[in-house]
PDB file of N, CA and C in Angstrom:
ATOM      1  N   UNK A   1      35.429  -1.052  11.941  1.00  0.00           N
ATOM      2  CA  UNK A   1      35.268  -2.059  10.867  1.00  0.00           C
ATOM      3  C   UNK A   1      34.249  -3.094  11.953  1.00  0.00           C
ATOM      4  N   UNK A   2      33.181  -3.518  11.231  1.00  0.00           N
ATOM      5  CA  UNK A   2      32.575  -4.857  12.168  1.00  0.00           C
ATOM      6  C   UNK A   2      32.494  -5.844  11.428  1.00  0.00           C
ATOM      7  N   UNK A   3      33.220  -7.022  11.622  1.00  0.00           N
ATOM      8  CA  UNK A   3      33.015  -8.107  11.355  1.00  0.00           C
ATOM      9  C   UNK A   3      31.891  -9.097  11.087  1.00  0.00           C
ATOM     10  N   UNK A   4      30.835  -9.353  11.036  1.00  0.00           N
ATOM     11  CA  UNK A   4      29.358 -10.527  11.252  1.00  0.00           C
ATOM     12  C   UNK A   4      29.899 -12.239  10.766  1.00  0.00           C
ATOM     13  N   UNK A   5      29.553 -12.921  10.873  1.00  0.00           N
ATOM     14  CA  UNK A   5      30.230 -14.567  11.539  1.00  0.00           C
ATOM     15  C   UNK A   5      28.708 -14.805  11.035  1.00  0.00           C
ATOM     16  N   UNK A   6      28.210 -14.725  10.184  1.00  0.00           N
ATOM     17  CA  UNK A   6      27.189 -15.372   9.992  1.00  0.00           C
ATOM     18  C   UNK A   6      26.962 -17.041   9.447  1.00  0.00           C
ATOM     19  N   UNK A   7      28.316 -17.858   9.717  1.00  0.00           N
ATOM     20  CA  UNK A   7      28.106 -18.659  10.033  1.00  0.00           C
ATOM     21  C   UNK A   7      27.338 -19.524  11.466  1.00  0.00           C
ATOM     22  N   UNK A   8      28.063 -19.024  12.608  1.00  0.00           N
ATOM     23  CA  UNK A   8      26.434 -19.365  14.087  1.00  0.00           C
ATOM     24  C   UNK A   8      25.583 -18.660  13.469  1.00  0.00           C
ATOM     25  N   UNK A   9      25.098 -17.900  12.871  1.00  0.00           N
ATOM     26  CA  UNK A   9      23.285 -17.154  12.789  1.00  0.00           C
ATOM     27  C   UNK A   9      22.611 -18.165  12.417  1.00  0.00           C
ATOM     28  N   UNK A  10      21.293 -18.578  13.369  1.00  0.00           N
ATOM     29  CA  UNK A  10      20.529 -18.840  12.531  1.00  0.00           C
ATOM     30  C   UNK A  10      19.729 -18.974  11.813  1.00  0.00           C
ATOM     31  N   UNK A  11      19.194 -19.965  10.614  1.00  0.00           N
ATOM     32  CA  UNK A  11      18.623 -18.963   8.793  1.00  0.00           C
ATOM     33  C   UNK A  11      17.365 -18.450   9.390  1.00  0.00           C
ATOM     34  N   UNK A  12      17.051 -16.899   8.316  1.00  0.00           N
ATOM     35  CA  UNK A  12      15.791 -16.491   8.784  1.00  0.00           C
ATOM     36  C   UNK A  12      14.734 -17.338   8.051  1.00  0.00           C
ATOM     37  N   UNK A  13      13.540 -17.352   8.649  1.00  0.00           N
ATOM     38  CA  UNK A  13      12.914 -18.227   8.358  1.00  0.00           C
ATOM     39  C   UNK A  13      11.440 -17.502   8.514  1.00  0.00           C
ATOM     40  N   UNK A  14      10.446 -17.547   7.792  1.00  0.00           N
ATOM     41  CA  UNK A  14       8.881 -16.679   8.075  1.00  0.00           C
ATOM     42  C   UNK A  14       8.263 -17.079   9.470  1.00  0.00           C
ATOM     43  N   UNK A  15       8.455 -17.002  10.356  1.00  0.00           N
ATOM     44  CA  UNK A  15       8.104 -17.385  11.727  1.00  0.00           C
ATOM     45  C   UNK A  15       6.006 -17.178  12.235  1.00  0.00           C
ATOM     46  N   UNK A  16       5.502 -17.694  11.498  1.00  0.00           N
ATOM     47  CA  UNK A  16       4.142 -17.912  11.202  1.00  0.00           C
ATOM     48  C   UNK A  16       3.363 -17.318  12.632  1.00  0.00           C
ATOM     49  N   UNK A  17       4.607 -17.607  13.820  1.00  0.00           N
ATOM     50  CA  UNK A  17       3.878 -17.374  14.832  1.00  0.00           C
ATOM     51  C   UNK A  17       4.100 -16.078  16.068  1.00  0.00           C
ATOM     52  N   UNK A  18       4.626 -15.698  14.915  1.00  0.00           N
ATOM     53  CA  UNK A  18       5.169 -14.203  15.671  1.00  0.00           C
ATOM     54  C   UNK A  18       4.145 -12.847  14.965  1.00  0.00           C
ATOM     55  N   UNK A  19       3.451 -13.348  14.421  1.00  0.00           N
ATOM     56  CA  UNK A  19       2.087 -12.497  14.199  1.00  0.00           C
ATOM     57  C   UNK A  19       1.299 -12.924  14.261  1.00  0.00           C
ATOM     58  N   UNK A  20       0.028 -13.017  14.214  1.00  0.00           N
ATOM     59  CA  UNK A  20      -1.594 -13.739  13.427  1.00  0.00           C
ATOM     60  C   UNK A  20      -1.471 -13.527  12.335  1.00  0.00           C
ATOM     61  N   UNK A  21      -2.580 -14.071  11.363  1.00  0.00           N
ATOM     62  CA  UNK A  21      -3.424 -13.568  10.786  1.00  0.00           C
ATOM     63  C   UNK A  21      -4.119 -13.589  10.659  1.00  0.00           C
ATOM     64  N   UNK A  22      -4.694 -11.788  10.326  1.00  0.00           N
ATOM     65  CA  UNK A  22      -5.598 -11.228  10.359  1.00  0.00           C
ATOM     66  C   UNK A  22      -6.625 -11.788   9.884  1.00  0.00           C
ATOM     67  N   UNK A  23      -8.235 -11.234  10.524  1.00  0.00           N
ATOM     68  CA  UNK A  23      -9.334 -12.224   9.460  1.00  0.00           C
ATOM     69  C   UNK A  23      -9.323 -10.993   8.717  1.00  0.00           C
ATOM     70  N   UNK A  24      -9.298 -10.131   8.389  1.00  0.00           N
ATOM     71  CA  UNK A  24      -9.101  -9.225   7.375  1.00  0.00           C
ATOM     72  C   UNK A  24      -9.006  -8.506   7.502  1.00  0.00           C
ATOM     73  N   UNK A  25      -8.524  -7.100   6.316  1.00  0.00           N
ATOM     74  CA  UNK A  25      -7.455  -6.561   5.765  1.00  0.00           C
ATOM     75  C   UNK A  25      -8.007  -5.168   5.409  1.00  0.00           C
ATOM     76  N   UNK A  26      -8.158  -4.074   5.916  1.00  0.00           N
ATOM     77  CA  UNK A  26      -8.695  -2.875   5.047  1.00  0.00           C
ATOM     78  C   UNK A  26      -7.500  -2.180   4.222  1.00  0.00           C
ATOM     79  N   UNK A  27      -7.147  -2.338   2.978  1.00  0.00           N
ATOM     80  CA  UNK A  27      -6.210  -1.193   2.641  1.00  0.00           C
ATOM     81  C   UNK A  27      -6.990   0.187   1.485  1.00  0.00           C
ATOM     82  N   UNK A  28      -6.058   1.259   2.135  1.00  0.00           N
ATOM     83  CA  UNK A  28      -7.014   2.319   0.876  1.00  0.00           C
ATOM     84  C   UNK A  28      -5.562   2.941   0.622  1.00  0.00           C
ATOM     85  N   UNK A  29      -5.862   3.356  -0.215  1.00  0.00           N
ATOM     86  CA  UNK A  29      -4.879   3.668  -1.281  1.00  0.00           C
ATOM     87  C   UNK A  29      -5.206   5.775  -2.236  1.00  0.00           C
ATOM     88  N   UNK A  30      -4.914   6.392  -2.286  1.00  0.00           N
ATOM     89  CA  UNK A  30      -5.329   7.591  -2.389  1.00  0.00           C
ATOM     90  C   UNK A  30      -4.361   8.342  -3.722  1.00  0.00           C
ATOM     91  N   UNK A  31      -4.627   8.888  -4.387  1.00  0.00           N
ATOM     92  CA  UNK A  31      -3.493   9.172  -5.605  1.00  0.00           C
ATOM     93  C   UNK A  31      -3.951  10.619  -5.592  1.00  0.00           C
ATOM     94  N   UNK A  32      -3.700  11.018  -6.591  1.00  0.00           N
ATOM     95  CA  UNK A  32      -4.102  13.032  -7.081  1.00  0.00           C
ATOM     96  C   UNK A  32      -3.075  12.338  -8.473  1.00  0.00           C
ATOM     97  N   UNK A  33      -3.564  13.223  -9.249  1.00  0.00           N
ATOM     98  CA  UNK A  33      -2.822  13.629 -10.575  1.00  0.00           C
ATOM     99  C   UNK A  33      -2.132  15.124 -10.679  1.00  0.00           C
ATOM    100  N   UNK A  34      -0.765  15.636 -11.698  1.00  0.00           N
ATOM    101  CA  UNK A  34      -1.085  17.072 -11.692  1.00  0.00           C
ATOM    102  C   UNK A  34      -1.838  17.336 -12.202  1.00  0.00           C
ATOM    103  N   UNK A  35      -2.453  18.339 -12.269  1.00  0.00           N
ATOM    104  CA  UNK A  35      -3.005  19.506 -13.022  1.00  0.00           C
ATOM    105  C   UNK A  35      -2.301  19.710 -13.908  1.00  0.00           C
ATOM    106  N   UNK A  36      -3.694  19.292 -15.499  1.00  0.00           N
ATOM    107  CA  UNK A  36      -2.761  19.114 -16.627  1.00  0.00           C
ATOM    108  C   UNK A  36      -4.308  19.888 -17.418  1.00  0.00           C
ATOM    109  N   UNK A  37      -4.149  20.514 -17.833  1.00  0.00           N
ATOM    110  CA  UNK A  37      -5.342  20.408 -19.446  1.00  0.00           C
ATOM    111  C   UNK A  37      -6.005  21.729 -17.945  1.00  0.00           C
ATOM    112  N   UNK A  38      -6.411  21.502 -17.336  1.00  0.00           N
ATOM    113  CA  UNK A  38      -7.101  22.516 -16.410  1.00  0.00           C
ATOM    114  C   UNK A  38      -7.832  21.462 -15.161  1.00  0.00           C
ATOM    115  N   UNK A  39      -6.839  20.164 -15.168  1.00  0.00           N
ATOM    116  CA  UNK A  39      -8.309  18.993 -14.744  1.00  0.00           C
ATOM    117  C   UNK A  39      -7.813  18.185 -13.556  1.00  0.00           C
ATOM    118  N   UNK A  40      -7.802  18.313 -12.583  1.00  0.00           N
ATOM    119  CA  UNK A  40      -7.613  17.343 -11.332  1.00  0.00           C
ATOM    120  C   UNK A  40      -8.397  16.346 -10.941  1.00  0.00           C
ATOM    121  N   UNK A  41      -7.011  14.963 -11.280  1.00  0.00           N
ATOM    122  CA  UNK A  41      -7.626  13.954 -11.047  1.00  0.00           C
ATOM    123  C   UNK A  41      -7.449  13.248  -9.596  1.00  0.00           C
ATOM    124  N   UNK A  42      -8.590  12.712  -9.316  1.00  0.00           N
ATOM    125  CA  UNK A  42      -8.259  11.935  -7.531  1.00  0.00           C
ATOM    126  C   UNK A  42      -8.865  10.491  -7.672  1.00  0.00           C
ATOM    127  N   UNK A  43      -7.743   9.693  -7.150  1.00  0.00           N
ATOM    128  CA  UNK A  43      -8.864   8.508  -6.938  1.00  0.00           C
ATOM    129  C   UNK A  43      -8.723   7.435  -6.476  1.00  0.00           C
ATOM    130  N   UNK A  44      -8.772   6.705  -6.123  1.00  0.00           N
ATOM    131  CA  UNK A  44      -9.754   5.991  -3.972  1.00  0.00           C
ATOM    132  C   UNK A  44      -9.109   4.344  -4.507  1.00  0.00           C
ATOM    133  N   UNK A  45      -8.488   3.996  -4.114  1.00  0.00           N
ATOM    134  CA  UNK A  45      -9.111   2.376  -3.898  1.00  0.00           C
ATOM    135  C   UNK A  45      -8.363   1.760  -2.439  1.00  0.00           C
ATOM    136  N   UNK A  46      -9.955   1.133  -2.185  1.00  0.00           N
ATOM    137  CA  UNK A  46      -9.884   0.600  -1.070  1.00  0.00           C
ATOM    138  C   UNK A  46     -10.408  -1.503  -1.738  1.00  0.00           C
ATOM    139  N   UNK A  47      -9.467  -1.843  -0.346  1.00  0.00           N
ATOM    140  CA  UNK A  47      -9.635  -3.597  -0.450  1.00  0.00           C
ATOM    141  C   UNK A  47      -9.716  -3.782   0.855  1.00  0.00           C
ATOM    142  N   UNK A  48     -10.952  -4.666   0.893  1.00  0.00           N
ATOM    143  CA  UNK A  48     -11.386  -5.378   2.273  1.00  0.00           C
ATOM    144  C   UNK A  48     -11.489  -6.699   1.750  1.00  0.00           C
ATOM    145  N   UNK A  49     -10.797  -7.804   2.471  1.00  0.00           N
ATOM    146  CA  UNK A  49     -10.876  -9.051   1.844  1.00  0.00           C
ATOM    147  C   UNK A  49      -9.900  -9.426   0.619  1.00  0.00           C
ATOM    148  N   UNK A  50     -11.265 -10.272  -0.087  1.00  0.00           N
ATOM    149  CA  UNK A  50     -11.156 -10.262  -1.643  1.00  0.00           C
ATOM    150  C   UNK A  50     -11.533  -8.953  -2.350  1.00  0.00           C
ATOM    151  N   UNK A  51     -12.442  -7.971  -1.888  1.00  0.00           N
ATOM    152  CA  UNK A  51     -13.487  -7.225  -2.875  1.00  0.00           C
ATOM    153  C   UNK A  51     -12.257  -6.172  -2.588  1.00  0.00           C
ATOM    154  N   UNK A  52     -12.154  -5.804  -3.836  1.00  0.00           N
ATOM    155  CA  UNK A  52     -11.629  -4.382  -4.431  1.00  0.00           C
ATOM    156  C   UNK A  52     -12.994  -3.267  -5.311  1.00  0.00           C
ATOM    157  N   UNK A  53     -12.968  -2.027  -4.377  1.00  0.00           N
ATOM    158  CA  UNK A  53     -13.491  -0.986  -4.854  1.00  0.00           C
ATOM    159  C   UNK A  53     -12.445   0.261  -5.905  1.00  0.00           C
ATOM    160  N   UNK A  54     -12.680   1.055  -6.705  1.00  0.00           N
ATOM    161  CA  UNK A  54     -12.066   2.078  -7.193  1.00  0.00           C
ATOM    162  C   UNK A  54     -13.219   3.348  -7.306  1.00  0.00           C
ATOM    163  N   UNK A  55     -12.639   4.063  -7.239  1.00  0.00           N
ATOM    164  CA  UNK A  55     -13.838   5.417  -7.288  1.00  0.00           C
ATOM    165  C   UNK A  55     -12.248   6.646  -7.656  1.00  0.00           C
ATOM    166  N   UNK A  56     -13.088   7.362  -8.998  1.00  0.00           N
ATOM    167  CA  UNK A  56     -12.272   8.018  -9.340  1.00  0.00           C
ATOM    168  C   UNK A  56     -13.122   9.507  -9.757  1.00  0.00           C
ATOM    169  N   UNK A  57     -12.338  10.924  -9.147  1.00  0.00           N
ATOM    170  CA  UNK A  57     -13.110  12.568  -9.143  1.00  0.00           C
ATOM    171  C   UNK A  57     -12.365  13.304 -10.545  1.00  0.00           C
ATOM    172  N   UNK A  58     -12.638  13.712 -10.864  1.00  0.00           N
ATOM    173  CA  UNK A  58     -11.977  14.908 -11.948  1.00  0.00           C
ATOM    174  C   UNK A  58     -13.110  15.938 -11.912  1.00  0.00           C
ATOM    175  N   UNK A  59     -11.952  17.102 -11.415  1.00  0.00           N
ATOM    176  CA  UNK A  59     -12.380  18.538 -11.323  1.00  0.00           C
ATOM    177  C   UNK A  59     -11.901  19.407 -12.265  1.00  0.00           C
ATOM    178  N   UNK A  60     -12.433  19.848 -12.907  1.00  0.00           N
ATOM    179  CA  UNK A  60     -12.250  21.279 -13.392  1.00  0.00           C
ATOM    180  C   UNK A  60     -12.080  22.174 -12.698  1.00  0.00           C
ATOM    181  N   UNK A  61     -10.686  22.639 -13.418  1.00  0.00           N
ATOM    182  CA  UNK A  61     -10.005  23.575 -12.435  1.00  0.00           C
ATOM    183  C   UNK A  61      -9.679  25.257 -12.970  1.00  0.00           C
ATOM    184  N   UNK A  62     -10.806  25.978 -12.308  1.00  0.00           N
ATOM    185  CA  UNK A  62     -10.994  27.084 -13.387  1.00  0.00           C
ATOM    186  C   UNK A  62      -9.491  28.570 -12.690  1.00  0.00           C
ATOM    187  N   UNK A  63      -8.623  28.774 -14.043  1.00  0.00           N
ATOM    188  CA  UNK A  63      -7.263  29.540 -13.747  1.00  0.00           C
ATOM    189  C   UNK A  63      -7.510  30.541 -13.665  1.00  0.00           C
TER     190      UNK A  63
END
């Protein structure tokens, strides 16, 4: 068993000097649904700075 003495540890703070704040961030999220009633749905969300775009695509799957 390991015992850690937290009395002598420094408090955890959010140190902004570790990583600089990026000038911009691009995030992409892709999601799909299960095939329901022969339809497959795919969606993509993109965020760049404070702008967000959303794209959805629906395709009928012939069984």
